[in-house]
Amino acid sequence: MSSRITFMVLCAAASVLAACAQPHQQVEAGADQSTVIARLGQPKETYELPNGGKRLMWPTQPMGTTTTAADVDASGKVVSVRQVLQESEFYRAEVGKWTRNDVLVNFGRPFETAYFKRMKREVWSYRYMENNVYYMIFHFYFDDQGILRQTQKEPDPMRDPSRRSRF
C-alpha cells in the first residue's frame, strides 16, 4: 500500500512541476503556429521578420517582467520560443547600430517611454528579473534619428523595499 501512496505523491509532484513550466518551455521548435497560439493564446504583438517570418509576442508589461516571443518561419512553423526580457537578450542590442524598430521587434512595446530634452534622448523602459531574483528596469536611449545611443539598468523602484513607505 505504501508504494501506491508513494506513486500517487510522485505523480502529483510531477503534475505540479509541469504546471510550473514557463510559457516559452511549453512549445517545441518545429511545431505549427496554431500550436503555440493554442497554448499561449492570441499574441498581443506581432512583428514581421526579415526572412519572411514573424515574431509573436505575449508581454506581461506594464507590471510584469516577462515577454514570451515565438519566431515563426514563412511556412508557419515555430523556429524558437523564448523569454526575451532578460540580460542575455538585452545585451545583444548594438549601440550605434540598432534603431527603435530593432528594439521594438526584439522586446515588444516598452512599459514606459520618456523624452529627456537636455540630452535629446528618447528612453524606452522594460521591467525584468535579473537572475530570477532582482526586479530591474532596462532602459534604451535613442537619439532624435531613432538610433540606439546608450543602455542602462537600474533596480525597479516600485519593488525596492528601501523605497516603500513604512507604517
N, C-alpha and C. Protein backbone atom coordinates (compact mmCIF):
# COMPACT_ATOMS: atom_id res chain seq x y z
N MET A 1 0.81 -1.19 0.00
CA MET A 1 0.00 0.00 0.00
C MET A 1 0.86 1.26 0.00
N SER A 2 1.99 1.23 0.70
CA SER A 2 2.83 2.42 0.76
C SER A 2 3.45 2.74 -0.59
N SER A 3 3.73 1.74 -1.44
CA SER A 3 4.27 2.01 -2.77
C SER A 3 3.22 2.71 -3.64
N ARG A 4 1.96 2.38 -3.42
CA ARG A 4 0.89 3.05 -4.18
C ARG A 4 0.79 4.52 -3.76
N ILE A 5 0.88 4.79 -2.48
CA ILE A 5 0.84 6.17 -1.99
C ILE A 5 2.05 6.94 -2.51
N THR A 6 3.22 6.31 -2.47
CA THR A 6 4.43 6.94 -2.99
C THR A 6 4.26 7.29 -4.46
N PHE A 7 3.70 6.37 -5.23
CA PHE A 7 3.46 6.60 -6.65
C PHE A 7 2.52 7.79 -6.86
N MET A 8 1.45 7.85 -6.07
CA MET A 8 0.48 8.94 -6.20
C MET A 8 1.13 10.27 -5.84
N VAL A 9 1.96 10.29 -4.82
CA VAL A 9 2.65 11.52 -4.42
C VAL A 9 3.60 11.97 -5.53
N LEU A 10 4.33 11.03 -6.10
CA LEU A 10 5.25 11.36 -7.20
C LEU A 10 4.50 11.89 -8.42
N CYS A 11 3.36 11.29 -8.73
CA CYS A 11 2.55 11.77 -9.85
C CYS A 11 2.03 13.19 -9.58
N ALA A 12 1.60 13.43 -8.37
CA ALA A 12 1.11 14.77 -8.01
C ALA A 12 2.24 15.79 -8.11
N ALA A 13 3.42 15.43 -7.62
CA ALA A 13 4.57 16.33 -7.68
C ALA A 13 4.95 16.61 -9.13
N ALA A 14 4.93 15.60 -9.98
CA ALA A 14 5.25 15.78 -11.40
C ALA A 14 4.24 16.71 -12.06
N SER A 15 2.97 16.59 -11.69
CA SER A 15 1.93 17.46 -12.25
C SER A 15 2.16 18.91 -11.83
N VAL A 16 2.51 19.11 -10.58
CA VAL A 16 2.77 20.46 -10.09
C VAL A 16 3.97 21.06 -10.82
N LEU A 17 5.04 20.29 -10.96
CA LEU A 17 6.22 20.80 -11.66
C LEU A 17 5.92 21.09 -13.13
N ALA A 18 5.13 20.28 -13.77
CA ALA A 18 4.77 20.53 -15.17
C ALA A 18 3.98 21.82 -15.30
N ALA A 19 3.13 22.09 -14.33
CA ALA A 19 2.34 23.32 -14.36
C ALA A 19 3.22 24.55 -14.15
N CYS A 20 4.40 24.38 -13.55
CA CYS A 20 5.31 25.48 -13.29
C CYS A 20 6.16 25.82 -14.51
N ALA A 21 6.08 25.05 -15.57
CA ALA A 21 6.89 25.31 -16.76
C ALA A 21 6.55 26.70 -17.28
N GLN A 22 7.57 27.42 -17.68
CA GLN A 22 7.40 28.75 -18.23
C GLN A 22 6.73 28.63 -19.61
N PRO A 23 5.98 29.66 -20.03
CA PRO A 23 5.31 29.58 -21.33
C PRO A 23 6.26 29.24 -22.48
N HIS A 24 7.46 29.80 -22.45
CA HIS A 24 8.39 29.55 -23.56
C HIS A 24 8.93 28.13 -23.54
N GLN A 25 8.66 27.37 -22.49
CA GLN A 25 9.10 25.99 -22.41
C GLN A 25 8.00 25.01 -22.81
N GLN A 26 6.83 25.52 -23.16
CA GLN A 26 5.68 24.66 -23.44
C GLN A 26 5.51 24.33 -24.92
N VAL A 27 6.33 24.90 -25.79
CA VAL A 27 6.20 24.67 -27.22
C VAL A 27 7.57 24.34 -27.80
N GLU A 28 7.63 23.29 -28.57
CA GLU A 28 8.89 22.86 -29.19
C GLU A 28 9.07 23.50 -30.57
N ALA A 29 10.32 23.73 -30.95
CA ALA A 29 10.62 24.19 -32.30
C ALA A 29 10.11 23.15 -33.28
N GLY A 30 9.59 23.62 -34.41
CA GLY A 30 9.05 22.72 -35.42
C GLY A 30 7.54 22.56 -35.33
N ALA A 31 6.97 22.97 -34.19
CA ALA A 31 5.51 22.89 -34.04
C ALA A 31 4.86 23.90 -34.99
N ASP A 32 3.60 23.70 -35.25
CA ASP A 32 2.85 24.62 -36.09
C ASP A 32 2.48 25.87 -35.30
N GLN A 33 2.35 27.00 -35.99
CA GLN A 33 1.99 28.27 -35.33
C GLN A 33 0.70 28.11 -34.53
N SER A 34 -0.25 27.33 -35.02
CA SER A 34 -1.52 27.16 -34.31
C SER A 34 -1.30 26.49 -32.94
N THR A 35 -0.26 25.67 -32.82
CA THR A 35 0.05 25.01 -31.54
C THR A 35 0.47 26.04 -30.49
N VAL A 36 1.35 26.95 -30.88
CA VAL A 36 1.80 27.97 -29.92
C VAL A 36 0.65 28.89 -29.54
N ILE A 37 -0.22 29.21 -30.48
CA ILE A 37 -1.38 30.07 -30.17
C ILE A 37 -2.37 29.33 -29.28
N ALA A 38 -2.55 28.04 -29.53
CA ALA A 38 -3.45 27.25 -28.67
C ALA A 38 -2.93 27.19 -27.24
N ARG A 39 -1.63 27.14 -27.06
CA ARG A 39 -1.04 27.04 -25.71
C ARG A 39 -0.97 28.39 -25.00
N LEU A 40 -0.64 29.45 -25.76
CA LEU A 40 -0.39 30.75 -25.13
C LEU A 40 -1.50 31.78 -25.38
N GLY A 41 -2.44 31.47 -26.25
CA GLY A 41 -3.50 32.43 -26.58
C GLY A 41 -3.06 33.31 -27.74
N GLN A 42 -3.95 34.20 -28.16
CA GLN A 42 -3.62 35.12 -29.25
C GLN A 42 -2.48 36.04 -28.82
N PRO A 43 -1.48 36.25 -29.66
CA PRO A 43 -0.39 37.15 -29.29
C PRO A 43 -0.90 38.58 -29.18
N LYS A 44 -0.30 39.35 -28.28
CA LYS A 44 -0.67 40.75 -28.11
C LYS A 44 0.08 41.65 -29.08
N GLU A 45 1.22 41.16 -29.58
CA GLU A 45 2.02 41.92 -30.54
C GLU A 45 2.54 40.95 -31.60
N THR A 46 2.60 41.42 -32.85
CA THR A 46 3.14 40.62 -33.95
C THR A 46 4.01 41.53 -34.81
N TYR A 47 5.21 41.04 -35.16
CA TYR A 47 6.14 41.82 -35.96
C TYR A 47 6.66 40.98 -37.12
N GLU A 48 6.83 41.62 -38.27
CA GLU A 48 7.40 40.96 -39.44
C GLU A 48 8.91 40.84 -39.26
N LEU A 49 9.46 39.68 -39.64
CA LEU A 49 10.90 39.45 -39.59
C LEU A 49 11.47 39.51 -41.00
N PRO A 50 12.77 39.83 -41.14
CA PRO A 50 13.37 39.99 -42.47
C PRO A 50 13.29 38.73 -43.35
N ASN A 51 13.25 37.57 -42.76
CA ASN A 51 13.26 36.32 -43.54
C ASN A 51 11.87 35.90 -44.01
N GLY A 52 10.88 36.75 -43.86
CA GLY A 52 9.52 36.42 -44.28
C GLY A 52 8.68 35.81 -43.17
N GLY A 53 9.30 35.54 -42.05
CA GLY A 53 8.57 35.01 -40.91
C GLY A 53 8.01 36.13 -40.06
N LYS A 54 7.58 35.77 -38.86
CA LYS A 54 7.09 36.79 -37.94
C LYS A 54 7.41 36.42 -36.50
N ARG A 55 7.40 37.42 -35.65
CA ARG A 55 7.62 37.22 -34.21
C ARG A 55 6.30 37.52 -33.53
N LEU A 56 5.81 36.52 -32.79
CA LEU A 56 4.60 36.66 -31.99
C LEU A 56 5.02 36.91 -30.55
N MET A 57 4.35 37.85 -29.87
CA MET A 57 4.78 38.20 -28.52
C MET A 57 3.60 38.22 -27.55
N TRP A 58 3.91 37.74 -26.33
CA TRP A 58 2.97 37.73 -25.22
C TRP A 58 3.61 38.46 -24.05
N PRO A 59 3.48 39.79 -23.99
CA PRO A 59 4.08 40.56 -22.90
C PRO A 59 3.25 40.52 -21.62
N THR A 60 3.92 40.74 -20.51
CA THR A 60 3.23 40.90 -19.23
C THR A 60 3.40 42.33 -18.70
N GLN A 61 4.03 43.21 -19.50
CA GLN A 61 4.19 44.61 -19.12
C GLN A 61 2.80 45.23 -19.03
N PRO A 62 2.50 46.23 -18.25
CA PRO A 62 3.47 47.13 -17.65
C PRO A 62 4.04 46.68 -16.30
N MET A 63 3.34 45.81 -15.57
CA MET A 63 3.85 45.45 -14.24
C MET A 63 4.61 44.12 -14.25
N GLY A 64 4.41 43.29 -15.26
CA GLY A 64 5.10 42.01 -15.33
C GLY A 64 6.54 42.15 -15.78
N THR A 65 7.27 41.05 -15.72
CA THR A 65 8.69 41.09 -16.02
C THR A 65 9.09 40.14 -17.15
N THR A 66 8.11 39.62 -17.87
CA THR A 66 8.43 38.69 -18.95
C THR A 66 7.69 39.05 -20.22
N THR A 67 8.30 38.68 -21.33
CA THR A 67 7.65 38.71 -22.63
C THR A 67 8.09 37.45 -23.35
N THR A 68 7.13 36.60 -23.66
CA THR A 68 7.41 35.39 -24.42
C THR A 68 7.35 35.75 -25.90
N ALA A 69 8.38 35.36 -26.65
CA ALA A 69 8.43 35.62 -28.09
C ALA A 69 8.57 34.30 -28.83
N ALA A 70 7.74 34.11 -29.83
CA ALA A 70 7.82 32.93 -30.69
C ALA A 70 8.14 33.39 -32.10
N ASP A 71 9.26 32.92 -32.63
CA ASP A 71 9.62 33.20 -34.02
C ASP A 71 9.04 32.10 -34.88
N VAL A 72 8.30 32.50 -35.91
CA VAL A 72 7.63 31.57 -36.81
C VAL A 72 8.16 31.84 -38.22
N ASP A 73 8.54 30.79 -38.94
CA ASP A 73 9.06 30.98 -40.30
C ASP A 73 7.92 31.24 -41.28
N ALA A 74 8.28 31.50 -42.54
CA ALA A 74 7.29 31.85 -43.56
C ALA A 74 6.26 30.74 -43.80
N SER A 75 6.62 29.49 -43.49
CA SER A 75 5.68 28.38 -43.69
C SER A 75 4.78 28.15 -42.47
N GLY A 76 4.96 28.95 -41.41
CA GLY A 76 4.11 28.82 -40.22
C GLY A 76 4.62 27.86 -39.17
N LYS A 77 5.88 27.45 -39.28
CA LYS A 77 6.49 26.55 -38.28
C LYS A 77 7.26 27.37 -37.25
N VAL A 78 7.17 26.95 -35.99
CA VAL A 78 7.87 27.63 -34.90
C VAL A 78 9.37 27.34 -35.00
N VAL A 79 10.16 28.41 -35.03
CA VAL A 79 11.61 28.30 -35.08
C VAL A 79 12.17 28.29 -33.65
N SER A 80 11.66 29.19 -32.82
CA SER A 80 12.10 29.26 -31.42
C SER A 80 11.04 29.95 -30.58
N VAL A 81 11.04 29.64 -29.29
CA VAL A 81 10.18 30.31 -28.32
C VAL A 81 11.06 30.60 -27.12
N ARG A 82 11.06 31.86 -26.67
CA ARG A 82 11.93 32.22 -25.55
C ARG A 82 11.39 33.44 -24.82
N GLN A 83 11.90 33.62 -23.61
CA GLN A 83 11.59 34.78 -22.79
C GLN A 83 12.63 35.83 -23.17
N VAL A 84 12.21 37.00 -23.68
CA VAL A 84 13.16 37.97 -24.20
C VAL A 84 13.55 39.09 -23.23
N LEU A 85 12.81 39.26 -22.15
CA LEU A 85 13.18 40.32 -21.21
C LEU A 85 14.16 39.76 -20.19
N GLN A 86 15.41 39.66 -20.62
CA GLN A 86 16.48 39.18 -19.76
C GLN A 86 17.80 39.74 -20.27
N GLU A 87 18.78 39.79 -19.38
CA GLU A 87 20.06 40.43 -19.72
C GLU A 87 20.71 39.87 -20.97
N SER A 88 20.73 38.56 -21.12
CA SER A 88 21.40 37.98 -22.29
C SER A 88 20.76 38.46 -23.59
N GLU A 89 19.49 38.74 -23.57
CA GLU A 89 18.81 39.28 -24.75
C GLU A 89 19.08 40.77 -24.89
N PHE A 90 18.97 41.52 -23.79
CA PHE A 90 19.19 42.97 -23.84
C PHE A 90 20.59 43.29 -24.36
N TYR A 91 21.59 42.54 -23.94
CA TYR A 91 22.96 42.84 -24.31
C TYR A 91 23.29 42.50 -25.76
N ARG A 92 22.33 41.93 -26.50
CA ARG A 92 22.51 41.74 -27.94
C ARG A 92 22.32 43.06 -28.69
N ALA A 93 21.65 44.02 -28.07
CA ALA A 93 21.40 45.31 -28.70
C ALA A 93 22.73 46.03 -28.95
N GLU A 94 22.91 46.51 -30.16
CA GLU A 94 24.16 47.15 -30.54
C GLU A 94 24.01 48.67 -30.57
N VAL A 95 24.70 49.33 -29.63
CA VAL A 95 24.69 50.79 -29.58
C VAL A 95 25.30 51.32 -30.87
N GLY A 96 24.66 52.32 -31.46
CA GLY A 96 25.13 52.91 -32.71
C GLY A 96 24.61 52.20 -33.95
N LYS A 97 24.04 51.02 -33.79
CA LYS A 97 23.52 50.26 -34.94
C LYS A 97 22.02 50.02 -34.86
N TRP A 98 21.55 49.60 -33.70
CA TRP A 98 20.13 49.28 -33.56
C TRP A 98 19.31 50.56 -33.60
N THR A 99 18.07 50.41 -34.08
CA THR A 99 17.11 51.50 -34.14
C THR A 99 15.95 51.22 -33.19
N ARG A 100 15.04 52.17 -33.09
CA ARG A 100 13.83 51.95 -32.30
C ARG A 100 13.11 50.69 -32.78
N ASN A 101 13.04 50.52 -34.10
CA ASN A 101 12.34 49.36 -34.66
C ASN A 101 13.02 48.05 -34.24
N ASP A 102 14.35 48.02 -34.21
CA ASP A 102 15.05 46.81 -33.77
C ASP A 102 14.69 46.46 -32.34
N VAL A 103 14.65 47.45 -31.48
CA VAL A 103 14.30 47.22 -30.07
C VAL A 103 12.85 46.77 -29.98
N LEU A 104 11.97 47.41 -30.73
CA LEU A 104 10.55 47.04 -30.73
C LEU A 104 10.35 45.59 -31.15
N VAL A 105 10.98 45.18 -32.24
CA VAL A 105 10.82 43.83 -32.76
C VAL A 105 11.42 42.80 -31.79
N ASN A 106 12.51 43.15 -31.12
CA ASN A 106 13.17 42.21 -30.22
C ASN A 106 12.54 42.11 -28.84
N PHE A 107 11.96 43.20 -28.34
CA PHE A 107 11.46 43.21 -26.96
C PHE A 107 10.00 43.60 -26.82
N GLY A 108 9.37 44.03 -27.89
CA GLY A 108 7.99 44.46 -27.81
C GLY A 108 7.88 45.90 -27.34
N ARG A 109 6.66 46.31 -27.10
CA ARG A 109 6.43 47.69 -26.65
C ARG A 109 6.95 47.86 -25.22
N PRO A 110 7.58 48.99 -24.94
CA PRO A 110 8.06 49.25 -23.58
C PRO A 110 6.89 49.56 -22.64
N PHE A 111 7.12 49.39 -21.34
CA PHE A 111 6.06 49.73 -20.40
C PHE A 111 5.99 51.24 -20.21
N GLU A 112 7.08 51.94 -20.56
CA GLU A 112 7.12 53.39 -20.35
C GLU A 112 8.10 54.01 -21.35
N THR A 113 7.75 55.20 -21.81
CA THR A 113 8.67 55.98 -22.64
C THR A 113 8.79 57.37 -22.03
N ALA A 114 9.91 58.00 -22.28
CA ALA A 114 10.13 59.36 -21.80
C ALA A 114 11.05 60.07 -22.77
N TYR A 115 11.05 61.39 -22.73
CA TYR A 115 11.98 62.16 -23.56
C TYR A 115 12.73 63.13 -22.65
N PHE A 116 14.06 63.06 -22.71
CA PHE A 116 14.91 63.95 -21.93
C PHE A 116 15.41 65.04 -22.87
N LYS A 117 14.82 66.24 -22.72
CA LYS A 117 15.05 67.35 -23.64
C LYS A 117 16.52 67.78 -23.67
N ARG A 118 17.15 67.92 -22.52
CA ARG A 118 18.54 68.39 -22.48
C ARG A 118 19.50 67.38 -23.12
N MET A 119 19.23 66.10 -22.93
CA MET A 119 20.06 65.05 -23.53
C MET A 119 19.70 64.81 -25.00
N LYS A 120 18.49 65.25 -25.38
CA LYS A 120 17.92 64.94 -26.69
C LYS A 120 17.88 63.44 -26.90
N ARG A 121 17.30 62.76 -25.89
CA ARG A 121 17.20 61.31 -25.92
C ARG A 121 15.79 60.86 -25.56
N GLU A 122 15.27 59.94 -26.36
CA GLU A 122 14.03 59.25 -26.00
C GLU A 122 14.44 57.96 -25.30
N VAL A 123 13.73 57.62 -24.23
CA VAL A 123 14.08 56.43 -23.45
C VAL A 123 12.90 55.48 -23.41
N TRP A 124 13.18 54.20 -23.73
CA TRP A 124 12.19 53.14 -23.61
C TRP A 124 12.61 52.25 -22.46
N SER A 125 11.66 51.87 -21.62
CA SER A 125 11.97 51.11 -20.41
C SER A 125 11.20 49.80 -20.34
N TYR A 126 11.90 48.75 -19.86
CA TYR A 126 11.34 47.40 -19.76
C TYR A 126 11.64 46.83 -18.38
N ARG A 127 10.62 46.33 -17.71
CA ARG A 127 10.82 45.63 -16.44
C ARG A 127 11.29 44.21 -16.72
N TYR A 128 12.17 43.69 -15.86
CA TYR A 128 12.63 42.31 -15.99
C TYR A 128 13.17 41.83 -14.65
N MET A 129 13.43 40.54 -14.57
CA MET A 129 14.04 39.94 -13.37
C MET A 129 15.48 39.59 -13.70
N GLU A 130 16.41 40.06 -12.90
CA GLU A 130 17.82 39.71 -13.08
C GLU A 130 18.12 38.49 -12.22
N ASN A 131 18.63 37.45 -12.86
CA ASN A 131 18.95 36.19 -12.18
C ASN A 131 17.76 35.59 -11.44
N ASN A 132 16.55 35.89 -11.90
CA ASN A 132 15.32 35.41 -11.25
C ASN A 132 15.22 35.83 -9.79
N VAL A 133 15.92 36.91 -9.43
CA VAL A 133 15.92 37.36 -8.04
C VAL A 133 15.60 38.86 -7.93
N TYR A 134 16.27 39.68 -8.72
CA TYR A 134 16.19 41.13 -8.57
C TYR A 134 15.26 41.75 -9.61
N TYR A 135 14.32 42.57 -9.13
CA TYR A 135 13.44 43.30 -10.03
C TYR A 135 14.21 44.50 -10.57
N MET A 136 14.33 44.58 -11.89
CA MET A 136 15.13 45.61 -12.53
C MET A 136 14.33 46.28 -13.65
N ILE A 137 14.88 47.40 -14.12
CA ILE A 137 14.38 48.07 -15.32
C ILE A 137 15.56 48.27 -16.25
N PHE A 138 15.37 47.93 -17.51
CA PHE A 138 16.40 48.13 -18.53
C PHE A 138 15.93 49.25 -19.44
N HIS A 139 16.81 50.25 -19.66
CA HIS A 139 16.47 51.43 -20.47
C HIS A 139 17.27 51.44 -21.77
N PHE A 140 16.61 51.83 -22.85
CA PHE A 140 17.25 52.04 -24.14
C PHE A 140 17.11 53.53 -24.48
N TYR A 141 18.22 54.21 -24.76
CA TYR A 141 18.24 55.63 -25.08
C TYR A 141 18.46 55.81 -26.59
N PHE A 142 17.55 56.54 -27.24
CA PHE A 142 17.64 56.77 -28.68
C PHE A 142 17.87 58.26 -28.96
N ASP A 143 18.67 58.55 -29.99
CA ASP A 143 18.82 59.94 -30.41
C ASP A 143 17.61 60.35 -31.25
N ASP A 144 17.61 61.59 -31.74
CA ASP A 144 16.46 62.10 -32.49
C ASP A 144 16.26 61.41 -33.84
N GLN A 145 17.28 60.70 -34.32
CA GLN A 145 17.16 59.93 -35.56
C GLN A 145 16.68 58.50 -35.30
N GLY A 146 16.48 58.17 -34.01
CA GLY A 146 15.99 56.84 -33.65
C GLY A 146 17.07 55.78 -33.53
N ILE A 147 18.33 56.20 -33.42
CA ILE A 147 19.46 55.27 -33.28
C ILE A 147 19.74 55.06 -31.80
N LEU A 148 19.97 53.80 -31.41
CA LEU A 148 20.30 53.47 -30.02
C LEU A 148 21.66 54.06 -29.67
N ARG A 149 21.72 54.87 -28.62
CA ARG A 149 22.96 55.53 -28.21
C ARG A 149 23.49 55.09 -26.86
N GLN A 150 22.61 54.47 -26.04
CA GLN A 150 23.05 54.10 -24.69
C GLN A 150 22.03 53.13 -24.11
N THR A 151 22.50 52.27 -23.21
CA THR A 151 21.60 51.42 -22.43
C THR A 151 21.95 51.60 -20.96
N GLN A 152 21.02 51.25 -20.10
CA GLN A 152 21.23 51.40 -18.67
C GLN A 152 20.28 50.46 -17.95
N LYS A 153 20.71 49.94 -16.82
CA LYS A 153 19.80 49.16 -15.99
C LYS A 153 19.81 49.75 -14.58
N GLU A 154 18.70 49.55 -13.89
CA GLU A 154 18.58 50.05 -12.52
C GLU A 154 17.56 49.19 -11.78
N PRO A 155 17.64 49.18 -10.45
CA PRO A 155 16.62 48.47 -9.67
C PRO A 155 15.25 49.10 -9.92
N ASP A 156 14.22 48.28 -9.94
CA ASP A 156 12.86 48.78 -10.15
C ASP A 156 12.40 49.47 -8.87
N PRO A 157 12.21 50.79 -8.89
CA PRO A 157 11.83 51.50 -7.67
C PRO A 157 10.47 51.07 -7.12
N MET A 158 9.60 50.53 -7.96
CA MET A 158 8.29 50.09 -7.47
C MET A 158 8.41 48.85 -6.59
N ARG A 159 9.51 48.12 -6.74
CA ARG A 159 9.67 46.89 -5.98
C ARG A 159 10.88 46.93 -5.07
N ASP A 160 11.41 48.11 -4.84
CA ASP A 160 12.59 48.27 -3.98
C ASP A 160 12.12 48.44 -2.54
N PRO A 161 12.42 47.48 -1.67
CA PRO A 161 11.95 47.56 -0.28
C PRO A 161 12.42 48.82 0.45
N SER A 162 13.58 49.36 0.09
CA SER A 162 14.08 50.54 0.78
C SER A 162 13.28 51.79 0.42
N ARG A 163 12.50 51.75 -0.66
CA ARG A 163 11.71 52.90 -1.07
C ARG A 163 10.26 52.80 -0.65
N ARG A 164 9.87 51.68 -0.07
CA ARG A 164 8.48 51.53 0.39
C ARG A 164 8.27 52.36 1.64
N SER A 165 7.08 52.94 1.75
CA SER A 165 6.77 53.72 2.94
C SER A 165 6.62 52.77 4.14
N ARG A 166 7.03 53.25 5.27
CA ARG A 166 6.96 52.42 6.48
C ARG A 166 5.80 52.91 7.35
N PHE A 167 5.05 51.94 7.81
CA PHE A 167 3.89 52.28 8.64
C PHE A 167 4.15 51.99 10.08
